[in-house]
Amino acid sequence: MTDATLFLGKGFQFPPKVDATTGRFVMSEGEEDINEAIYLILKTRLEERPMCPEFGCDIEGYVFDLPDARAERGIEDTITIALTKWEPRIDNIQVTVNKERIQEGILLIEIGYTVRKNNNAANLVFPYYLEEGFSTWR
């Protein structure tokens, strides 16, 4: 096992893929696994998982809201709460809604965080479609 795996974990790559050569599921590890876990949390609706209905993030509730300051703050708070609850490997979560592409009906949700085990700063951008809700997978 690599140092990254010991510190940060290893899991199935998301979305799941099968290695054509070995026939086994492709795994991701380290900070890549954290990044994929964040996407998984954001893309899972509350009550979507029957055995864990509280898992996920309730951002689909903002699909038809006006992109005003109240909705932006709600999205930021909702994501921060979900990531704080469901991704224990990260700290210092900062979520910002960027309206750069709002004319296209897209809010770019910028998420910055620190990896707890090694204090590495990381970030990702999650596109949120105002009329459809979730983004397509990267």
C-alpha atoms as a PDB file:
ATOM      1  CA  MET A   1       0.000   0.000   0.000  1.00  0.00           C
ATOM      2  CA  THR A   2       1.196   3.484  -0.803  1.00  0.00           C
ATOM      3  CA  ASP A   3       1.427   6.253   1.774  1.00  0.00           C
ATOM      4  CA  ALA A   4      -1.520   7.995   0.103  1.00  0.00           C
ATOM      5  CA  THR A   5      -3.665   4.879   0.483  1.00  0.00           C
ATOM      6  CA  LEU A   6      -2.769   4.507   4.156  1.00  0.00           C
ATOM      7  CA  PHE A   7      -3.564   8.150   4.843  1.00  0.00           C
ATOM      8  CA  LEU A   8      -6.487   8.847   2.572  1.00  0.00           C
ATOM      9  CA  GLY A   9      -8.104   5.555   1.661  1.00  0.00           C
ATOM     10  CA  LYS A  10      -8.976   3.609  -1.442  1.00  0.00           C
ATOM     11  CA  GLY A  11     -12.324   2.868  -3.054  1.00  0.00           C
ATOM     12  CA  PHE A  12     -14.158   2.060  -6.232  1.00  0.00           C
ATOM     13  CA  GLN A  13     -13.644   4.630  -8.950  1.00  0.00           C
ATOM     14  CA  PHE A  14     -16.732   6.715  -9.571  1.00  0.00           C
ATOM     15  CA  PRO A  15     -18.477   6.294 -11.862  1.00  0.00           C
ATOM     16  CA  PRO A  16     -17.658   2.577 -11.594  1.00  0.00           C
ATOM     17  CA  LYS A  17     -15.492   1.119 -14.347  1.00  0.00           C
ATOM     18  CA  VAL A  18     -14.220  -2.370 -15.071  1.00  0.00           C
ATOM     19  CA  ASP A  19     -10.642  -2.901 -16.242  1.00  0.00           C
ATOM     20  CA  ALA A  20     -10.911  -4.624 -19.632  1.00  0.00           C
ATOM     21  CA  THR A  21      -7.651  -6.529 -19.041  1.00  0.00           C
ATOM     22  CA  THR A  22      -8.258  -7.892 -15.546  1.00  0.00           C
ATOM     23  CA  GLY A  23     -12.046  -7.809 -15.351  1.00  0.00           C
ATOM     24  CA  ARG A  24     -11.800  -6.125 -11.952  1.00  0.00           C
ATOM     25  CA  PHE A  25     -13.274  -2.865 -10.820  1.00  0.00           C
ATOM     26  CA  VAL A  26     -10.959   0.108 -11.228  1.00  0.00           C
ATOM     27  CA  MET A  27     -10.023   1.622  -7.888  1.00  0.00           C
ATOM     28  CA  SER A  28      -9.069   5.177  -6.985  1.00  0.00           C
ATOM     29  CA  GLU A  29      -6.981   6.189  -4.025  1.00  0.00           C
ATOM     30  CA  GLY A  30      -5.691   9.158  -2.130  1.00  0.00           C
ATOM     31  CA  GLU A  31      -6.881  12.615  -3.081  1.00  0.00           C
ATOM     32  CA  GLU A  32      -8.536  11.296  -6.242  1.00  0.00           C
ATOM     33  CA  ASP A  33     -10.766   9.143  -4.023  1.00  0.00           C
ATOM     34  CA  ILE A  34     -11.695  12.193  -1.930  1.00  0.00           C
ATOM     35  CA  ASN A  35     -12.546  14.176  -5.068  1.00  0.00           C
ATOM     36  CA  GLU A  36     -14.795  11.383  -6.315  1.00  0.00           C
ATOM     37  CA  ALA A  37     -16.435  11.048  -2.892  1.00  0.00           C
ATOM     38  CA  ILE A  38     -17.328  14.751  -2.971  1.00  0.00           C
ATOM     39  CA  TYR A  39     -19.003  14.342  -6.381  1.00  0.00           C
ATOM     40  CA  LEU A  40     -20.847  11.286  -5.087  1.00  0.00           C
ATOM     41  CA  ILE A  41     -22.149  13.191  -2.047  1.00  0.00           C
ATOM     42  CA  LEU A  42     -23.283  16.131  -4.191  1.00  0.00           C
ATOM     43  CA  LYS A  43     -24.979  13.928  -6.772  1.00  0.00           C
ATOM     44  CA  THR A  44     -26.883  11.786  -4.265  1.00  0.00           C
ATOM     45  CA  ARG A  45     -30.297  13.124  -3.350  1.00  0.00           C
ATOM     46  CA  LEU A  46     -31.502  12.830   0.214  1.00  0.00           C
ATOM     47  CA  GLU A  47     -33.586   9.677   0.717  1.00  0.00           C
ATOM     48  CA  GLU A  48     -32.181   8.198  -2.493  1.00  0.00           C
ATOM     49  CA  ARG A  49     -30.411   5.410  -0.574  1.00  0.00           C
ATOM     50  CA  PRO A  50     -33.000   3.267   1.223  1.00  0.00           C
ATOM     51  CA  MET A  51     -30.523   1.970   3.815  1.00  0.00           C
ATOM     52  CA  CYS A  52     -29.064   5.435   4.497  1.00  0.00           C
ATOM     53  CA  PRO A  53     -31.750   8.005   3.575  1.00  0.00           C
ATOM     54  CA  GLU A  54     -29.917  10.920   5.227  1.00  0.00           C
ATOM     55  CA  PHE A  55     -26.837  10.469   2.988  1.00  0.00           C
ATOM     56  CA  GLY A  56     -26.295  13.004   0.218  1.00  0.00           C
ATOM     57  CA  CYS A  57     -26.927  16.662  -0.421  1.00  0.00           C
ATOM     58  CA  ASP A  58     -30.212  18.512  -0.848  1.00  0.00           C
ATOM     59  CA  ILE A  59     -29.102  20.876  -3.641  1.00  0.00           C
ATOM     60  CA  GLU A  60     -31.779  19.687  -6.048  1.00  0.00           C
ATOM     61  CA  GLY A  61     -34.153  21.761  -3.953  1.00  0.00           C
ATOM     62  CA  TYR A  62     -32.697  24.841  -5.651  1.00  0.00           C
ATOM     63  CA  VAL A  63     -33.352  23.755  -9.253  1.00  0.00           C
ATOM     64  CA  PHE A  64     -36.114  26.236 -10.003  1.00  0.00           C
ATOM     65  CA  ASP A  65     -35.120  28.974  -7.556  1.00  0.00           C
ATOM     66  CA  LEU A  66     -34.129  32.368  -8.813  1.00  0.00           C
ATOM     67  CA  PRO A  67     -30.348  32.678  -8.721  1.00  0.00           C
ATOM     68  CA  ASP A  68     -30.482  35.403  -6.088  1.00  0.00           C
ATOM     69  CA  ALA A  69     -28.372  35.948  -2.963  1.00  0.00           C
ATOM     70  CA  ARG A  70     -30.736  33.843  -0.814  1.00  0.00           C
ATOM     71  CA  ALA A  71     -30.502  30.838  -3.143  1.00  0.00           C
ATOM     72  CA  GLU A  72     -26.728  31.204  -3.516  1.00  0.00           C
ATOM     73  CA  ARG A  73     -26.276  31.254   0.254  1.00  0.00           C
ATOM     74  CA  GLY A  74     -28.629  28.275   0.595  1.00  0.00           C
ATOM     75  CA  ILE A  75     -26.622  26.263  -1.944  1.00  0.00           C
ATOM     76  CA  GLU A  76     -23.353  27.171  -0.236  1.00  0.00           C
ATOM     77  CA  ASP A  77     -24.691  26.234   3.207  1.00  0.00           C
ATOM     78  CA  THR A  78     -26.315  23.010   2.012  1.00  0.00           C
ATOM     79  CA  ILE A  79     -23.103  21.803   0.369  1.00  0.00           C
ATOM     80  CA  THR A  80     -20.941  22.812   3.321  1.00  0.00           C
ATOM     81  CA  ILE A  81     -23.196  20.930   5.748  1.00  0.00           C
ATOM     82  CA  ALA A  82     -23.294  17.793   3.563  1.00  0.00           C
ATOM     83  CA  LEU A  83     -19.520  17.691   3.045  1.00  0.00           C
ATOM     84  CA  THR A  84     -18.842  18.337   6.718  1.00  0.00           C
ATOM     85  CA  LYS A  85     -21.151  15.476   7.641  1.00  0.00           C
ATOM     86  CA  TRP A  86     -20.187  12.915   4.986  1.00  0.00           C
ATOM     87  CA  GLU A  87     -16.527  13.513   4.069  1.00  0.00           C
ATOM     88  CA  PRO A  88     -14.416  13.243   7.246  1.00  0.00           C
ATOM     89  CA  ARG A  89     -11.114  13.399   5.333  1.00  0.00           C
ATOM     90  CA  ILE A  90     -11.466  17.126   4.598  1.00  0.00           C
ATOM     91  CA  ASP A  91     -11.416  20.362   6.629  1.00  0.00           C
ATOM     92  CA  ASN A  92     -11.784  24.097   6.032  1.00  0.00           C
ATOM     93  CA  ILE A  93     -14.541  23.688   3.462  1.00  0.00           C
ATOM     94  CA  GLN A  94     -15.244  26.837   1.468  1.00  0.00           C
ATOM     95  CA  VAL A  95     -18.098  26.878  -1.030  1.00  0.00           C
ATOM     96  CA  THR A  96     -18.726  29.745  -3.426  1.00  0.00           C
ATOM     97  CA  VAL A  97     -21.343  30.085  -6.150  1.00  0.00           C
ATOM     98  CA  ASN A  98     -19.880  31.600  -9.312  1.00  0.00           C
ATOM     99  CA  LYS A  99     -22.464  33.120 -11.701  1.00  0.00           C
ATOM    100  CA  GLU A 100     -20.018  33.521 -14.607  1.00  0.00           C
ATOM    101  CA  ARG A 101     -22.124  31.202 -16.829  1.00  0.00           C
ATOM    102  CA  ILE A 102     -25.561  32.095 -15.512  1.00  0.00           C
ATOM    103  CA  GLN A 103     -26.749  33.196 -18.983  1.00  0.00           C
ATOM    104  CA  GLU A 104     -26.299  29.552 -20.022  1.00  0.00           C
ATOM    105  CA  GLY A 105     -28.315  28.433 -16.987  1.00  0.00           C
ATOM    106  CA  ILE A 106     -25.248  27.135 -15.135  1.00  0.00           C
ATOM    107  CA  LEU A 107     -23.935  27.993 -11.684  1.00  0.00           C
ATOM    108  CA  LEU A 108     -20.323  26.975 -11.136  1.00  0.00           C
ATOM    109  CA  ILE A 109     -19.984  25.825  -7.550  1.00  0.00           C
ATOM    110  CA  GLU A 110     -16.390  26.258  -6.438  1.00  0.00           C
ATOM    111  CA  ILE A 111     -15.403  24.042  -3.517  1.00  0.00           C
ATOM    112  CA  GLY A 112     -12.129  24.507  -1.697  1.00  0.00           C
ATOM    113  CA  TYR A 113     -10.951  22.324   1.160  1.00  0.00           C
ATOM    114  CA  THR A 114      -7.926  21.030   3.025  1.00  0.00           C
ATOM    115  CA  VAL A 115      -7.083  17.336   3.208  1.00  0.00           C
ATOM    116  CA  ARG A 116      -6.851  16.577   6.946  1.00  0.00           C
ATOM    117  CA  LYS A 117      -4.023  14.053   6.912  1.00  0.00           C
ATOM    118  CA  ASN A 118      -1.507  16.056   4.893  1.00  0.00           C
ATOM    119  CA  ASN A 119      -2.863  19.637   4.959  1.00  0.00           C
ATOM    120  CA  ASN A 120      -2.897  19.790   1.152  1.00  0.00           C
ATOM    121  CA  ALA A 121      -5.190  22.473  -0.215  1.00  0.00           C
ATOM    122  CA  ALA A 122      -7.487  21.210  -2.949  1.00  0.00           C
ATOM    123  CA  ASN A 123     -10.459  22.432  -4.942  1.00  0.00           C
ATOM    124  CA  LEU A 124     -12.960  21.428  -7.563  1.00  0.00           C
ATOM    125  CA  VAL A 125     -15.706  23.048  -9.594  1.00  0.00           C
ATOM    126  CA  PHE A 126     -19.140  21.443  -9.709  1.00  0.00           C
ATOM    127  CA  PRO A 127     -21.423  22.676 -12.518  1.00  0.00           C
ATOM    128  CA  TYR A 128     -25.040  23.024 -11.412  1.00  0.00           C
ATOM    129  CA  TYR A 129     -27.680  23.425 -14.104  1.00  0.00           C
ATOM    130  CA  LEU A 130     -30.482  25.692 -12.942  1.00  0.00           C
ATOM    131  CA  GLU A 131     -33.225  24.001 -14.934  1.00  0.00           C
ATOM    132  CA  GLU A 132     -32.046  20.406 -14.826  1.00  0.00           C
ATOM    133  CA  GLY A 133     -30.308  20.324 -11.456  1.00  0.00           C
ATOM    134  CA  PHE A 134     -27.299  18.052 -11.423  1.00  0.00           C
ATOM    135  CA  SER A 135     -24.389  18.122 -13.793  1.00  0.00           C
ATOM    136  CA  THR A 136     -23.375  15.320 -16.069  1.00  0.00           C
ATOM    137  CA  TRP A 137     -20.456  13.402 -14.688  1.00  0.00           C
ATOM    138  CA  ARG A 138     -17.238  15.265 -15.412  1.00  0.00           C
END
